[in-house]
Amino acid sequence: MAYYVFLVNFTEQGARTVRETTKRADAFRAMAEKGGAKVHTLLWTLGKHDVVSVIEAPDDLTATALSLSISELGNVKAQTLKAFDAAEMRQIIAKMG
């Protein structure tokens, strides 16, 4: 399983219906689970992004499908970053020239 960081911003629609954001977060967790991914962390934030989430998914296709699925609903726009844990980073360093 690989890790992904979702950087999420509310759209105008999402901001207008912000009182439903926790319900949407629950639906997002269920959507992720149904698609074979797991939401490890979901936090509402101050600053450049409205929500930051750490997801674990079996592959890039699953993570991308999840990101596009939530964006398609119109409440948020998401940017997806692939992330590496310490063990993976050690492997990356070992491959460096």
Protein backbone atom coordinates (compact mmCIF):
# COMPACT_ATOMS: atom_id res chain seq x y z
CA MET A 1 0.00 0.00 0.00
CA ALA A 2 1.18 3.51 -0.79
CA TYR A 3 0.53 6.79 1.00
CA TYR A 4 -1.02 9.88 -0.55
CA VAL A 5 -1.63 13.36 0.81
CA PHE A 6 -4.75 15.12 -0.41
CA LEU A 7 -4.63 18.92 -0.22
CA VAL A 8 -8.23 20.05 -0.48
CA ASN A 9 -9.92 23.41 -0.99
CA PHE A 10 -13.61 24.19 -0.85
CA THR A 11 -15.25 25.35 -4.05
CA GLU A 12 -17.89 28.09 -3.87
CA GLN A 13 -20.49 25.33 -3.58
CA GLY A 14 -18.53 23.66 -0.78
CA ALA A 15 -18.15 26.94 1.11
CA ARG A 16 -21.88 27.67 0.82
CA THR A 17 -22.66 24.25 2.31
CA VAL A 18 -19.77 24.15 4.79
CA ARG A 19 -22.09 23.09 7.62
CA GLU A 20 -22.27 19.69 5.88
CA THR A 21 -18.49 19.24 5.73
CA THR A 22 -18.30 16.65 8.51
CA LYS A 23 -21.05 14.60 6.85
CA ARG A 24 -19.15 14.81 3.57
CA ALA A 25 -16.00 13.68 5.38
CA ASP A 26 -17.84 10.59 6.63
CA ALA A 27 -19.04 9.90 3.08
CA PHE A 28 -15.46 10.35 1.83
CA ARG A 29 -14.19 7.76 4.32
CA ALA A 30 -16.87 5.32 3.17
CA MET A 31 -16.06 6.03 -0.50
CA ALA A 32 -12.37 5.41 0.14
CA GLU A 33 -13.05 2.13 1.94
CA LYS A 34 -15.37 0.94 -0.81
CA GLY A 35 -12.65 1.67 -3.37
CA GLY A 36 -9.98 -0.21 -1.44
CA ALA A 37 -8.29 2.77 0.24
CA LYS A 38 -8.09 3.90 3.86
CA VAL A 39 -8.28 7.43 5.25
CA HIS A 40 -5.68 7.66 8.01
CA THR A 41 -6.11 11.34 8.80
CA LEU A 42 -8.54 14.04 7.77
CA LEU A 43 -8.00 17.49 9.24
CA TRP A 44 -9.60 20.86 8.59
CA THR A 45 -6.89 23.48 8.39
CA LEU A 46 -6.23 27.20 8.39
CA GLY A 47 -4.14 28.68 5.62
CA LYS A 48 -3.75 27.77 1.96
CA HIS A 49 -5.78 24.54 2.16
CA ASP A 50 -9.12 23.90 3.85
CA VAL A 51 -8.59 20.18 4.45
CA VAL A 52 -5.55 17.91 4.51
CA SER A 53 -5.94 14.16 4.43
CA VAL A 54 -3.53 11.21 4.48
CA ILE A 55 -4.78 8.23 2.50
CA GLU A 56 -3.40 4.74 2.06
CA ALA A 57 -4.23 3.09 -1.26
CA PRO A 58 -2.98 0.05 -3.16
CA ASP A 59 -1.85 2.07 -6.17
CA ASP A 60 -1.85 5.40 -8.00
CA LEU A 61 -4.98 4.46 -9.96
CA THR A 62 -7.02 3.95 -6.79
CA ALA A 63 -5.81 7.20 -5.23
CA THR A 64 -6.46 9.15 -8.41
CA ALA A 65 -9.94 7.69 -8.80
CA LEU A 66 -10.73 8.68 -5.22
CA SER A 67 -9.43 12.21 -5.74
CA LEU A 68 -11.40 12.65 -8.96
CA SER A 69 -14.53 11.17 -7.39
CA ILE A 70 -14.59 13.73 -4.59
CA SER A 71 -13.83 16.58 -6.98
CA GLU A 72 -16.62 15.46 -9.29
CA LEU A 73 -19.18 16.12 -6.53
CA GLY A 74 -18.40 19.84 -6.78
CA ASN A 75 -17.74 20.70 -3.14
CA VAL A 76 -13.95 20.56 -3.23
CA LYS A 77 -10.93 20.61 -5.50
CA ALA A 78 -8.17 18.23 -4.50
CA GLN A 79 -4.47 18.05 -5.23
CA THR A 80 -2.92 14.61 -4.69
CA LEU A 81 0.67 14.10 -3.56
CA LYS A 82 2.30 10.69 -3.41
CA ALA A 83 4.10 10.29 -0.09
CA PHE A 84 6.84 7.97 1.19
CA ASP A 85 7.39 6.61 4.69
CA ALA A 86 10.87 6.22 6.26
CA ALA A 87 11.38 2.66 4.98
CA GLU A 88 10.56 3.72 1.43
CA MET A 89 12.80 6.75 1.73
CA ARG A 90 15.68 4.49 2.81
CA GLN A 91 15.13 2.42 -0.34
CA ILE A 92 15.10 5.59 -2.46
CA ILE A 93 18.35 6.78 -0.87
CA ALA A 94 19.93 3.38 -1.44
CA LYS A 95 19.22 3.71 -5.17
CA MET A 96 20.84 7.13 -5.41
CA GLY A 97 24.10 7.32 -7.34
